[in-house]
Amino acid sequence: QQPPPMKSCLSCHQQIHRNAPICPLCKAKSRSRNPKKPKKKD
């Protein structure tokens, strides 16, 4: 058995699941690479 893929939360630095949309510990959004940049299509 393999452990689930993990990553560090960018906010609290705890190990969380790689695919978690938010950190279960600090509730920070974990997937957004560049926050506050809405996609614009002209």
N, C-alpha and C. Protein backbone atom coordinates (compact mmCIF):
# COMPACT_ATOMS: atom_id res chain seq x y z
N GLN A 1 0.84 -1.21 0.00
CA GLN A 1 0.00 0.00 0.00
C GLN A 1 0.87 1.25 0.00
N GLN A 2 0.47 2.20 -0.82
CA GLN A 2 1.20 3.46 -0.88
C GLN A 2 0.47 4.51 -0.07
N PRO A 3 1.21 5.39 0.58
CA PRO A 3 0.55 6.51 1.27
C PRO A 3 -0.05 7.46 0.25
N PRO A 4 -1.09 8.21 0.63
CA PRO A 4 -1.68 9.15 -0.33
C PRO A 4 -0.68 10.24 -0.70
N PRO A 5 -0.79 10.78 -1.91
CA PRO A 5 0.13 11.85 -2.31
C PRO A 5 -0.08 13.08 -1.44
N MET A 6 0.98 13.57 -0.85
CA MET A 6 0.85 14.67 0.09
C MET A 6 1.63 15.88 -0.41
N LYS A 7 1.30 17.04 0.14
CA LYS A 7 2.06 18.25 -0.12
C LYS A 7 1.99 19.13 1.12
N SER A 8 2.81 20.16 1.14
CA SER A 8 2.77 21.09 2.26
C SER A 8 1.77 22.20 1.96
N CYS A 9 0.96 22.53 2.95
CA CYS A 9 0.07 23.68 2.82
C CYS A 9 0.91 24.94 2.74
N LEU A 10 0.55 25.81 1.79
CA LEU A 10 1.33 27.04 1.62
C LEU A 10 1.11 28.01 2.76
N SER A 11 0.03 27.81 3.51
CA SER A 11 -0.29 28.74 4.58
C SER A 11 0.25 28.27 5.93
N CYS A 12 -0.07 27.02 6.30
CA CYS A 12 0.33 26.56 7.64
C CYS A 12 1.46 25.53 7.60
N HIS A 13 1.83 25.11 6.39
CA HIS A 13 2.97 24.21 6.18
C HIS A 13 2.79 22.80 6.75
N GLN A 14 1.55 22.43 7.02
CA GLN A 14 1.28 21.05 7.43
C GLN A 14 1.16 20.17 6.20
N GLN A 15 1.36 18.88 6.38
CA GLN A 15 1.19 17.95 5.27
C GLN A 15 -0.30 17.71 5.04
N ILE A 16 -0.75 18.00 3.83
CA ILE A 16 -2.15 17.79 3.47
C ILE A 16 -2.20 16.97 2.19
N HIS A 17 -3.38 16.44 1.87
CA HIS A 17 -3.53 15.67 0.65
C HIS A 17 -3.30 16.57 -0.55
N ARG A 18 -2.61 16.03 -1.55
CA ARG A 18 -2.23 16.83 -2.71
C ARG A 18 -3.43 17.38 -3.45
N ASN A 19 -4.54 16.64 -3.46
CA ASN A 19 -5.71 17.06 -4.23
C ASN A 19 -6.74 17.82 -3.40
N ALA A 20 -6.41 18.09 -2.15
CA ALA A 20 -7.38 18.79 -1.31
C ALA A 20 -7.56 20.22 -1.80
N PRO A 21 -8.82 20.63 -2.04
CA PRO A 21 -9.05 22.00 -2.52
C PRO A 21 -8.72 23.05 -1.48
N ILE A 22 -8.92 22.72 -0.21
CA ILE A 22 -8.50 23.61 0.87
C ILE A 22 -7.78 22.79 1.93
N CYS A 23 -6.97 23.45 2.72
CA CYS A 23 -6.29 22.78 3.81
C CYS A 23 -7.30 22.46 4.91
N PRO A 24 -7.40 21.20 5.34
CA PRO A 24 -8.37 20.87 6.39
C PRO A 24 -8.00 21.45 7.74
N LEU A 25 -6.76 21.90 7.89
CA LEU A 25 -6.31 22.42 9.19
C LEU A 25 -6.52 23.92 9.30
N CYS A 26 -6.09 24.67 8.29
CA CYS A 26 -6.19 26.13 8.40
C CYS A 26 -7.21 26.72 7.43
N LYS A 27 -7.83 25.87 6.61
CA LYS A 27 -8.88 26.27 5.67
C LYS A 27 -8.39 27.20 4.57
N ALA A 28 -7.09 27.26 4.36
CA ALA A 28 -6.58 28.08 3.27
C ALA A 28 -6.77 27.32 1.96
N LYS A 29 -7.06 28.06 0.90
CA LYS A 29 -7.14 27.42 -0.41
C LYS A 29 -5.76 26.95 -0.80
N SER A 30 -5.67 25.71 -1.22
CA SER A 30 -4.35 25.13 -1.44
C SER A 30 -3.98 25.01 -2.91
N ARG A 31 -4.95 25.03 -3.80
CA ARG A 31 -4.65 24.74 -5.19
C ARG A 31 -4.35 25.97 -6.02
N SER A 32 -4.78 27.15 -5.59
CA SER A 32 -4.61 28.34 -6.41
C SER A 32 -3.15 28.73 -6.51
N ARG A 33 -2.61 28.66 -7.72
CA ARG A 33 -1.21 29.00 -7.90
C ARG A 33 -1.00 30.51 -7.88
N ASN A 34 -1.90 31.24 -8.57
CA ASN A 34 -1.79 32.69 -8.55
C ASN A 34 -3.14 33.29 -8.15
N PRO A 35 -3.34 33.46 -6.85
CA PRO A 35 -4.61 34.02 -6.38
C PRO A 35 -4.75 35.49 -6.78
N LYS A 36 -5.99 35.96 -6.79
CA LYS A 36 -6.30 37.34 -7.16
C LYS A 36 -5.90 37.65 -8.59
N LYS A 37 -5.94 36.64 -9.46
CA LYS A 37 -5.75 36.90 -10.89
C LYS A 37 -6.87 36.21 -11.63
N PRO A 38 -8.02 36.88 -11.77
CA PRO A 38 -9.13 36.26 -12.49
C PRO A 38 -8.78 36.09 -13.96
N LYS A 39 -9.26 34.98 -14.55
CA LYS A 39 -8.96 34.76 -15.96
C LYS A 39 -9.80 35.69 -16.81
N LYS A 40 -9.15 36.35 -17.76
CA LYS A 40 -9.86 37.23 -18.67
C LYS A 40 -9.69 36.72 -20.09
N LYS A 41 -10.81 36.62 -20.80
CA LYS A 41 -10.73 36.26 -22.21
C LYS A 41 -11.29 37.41 -23.02
N ASP A 42 -10.50 37.90 -23.94
CA ASP A 42 -10.96 39.02 -24.77
C ASP A 42 -11.63 38.50 -26.03
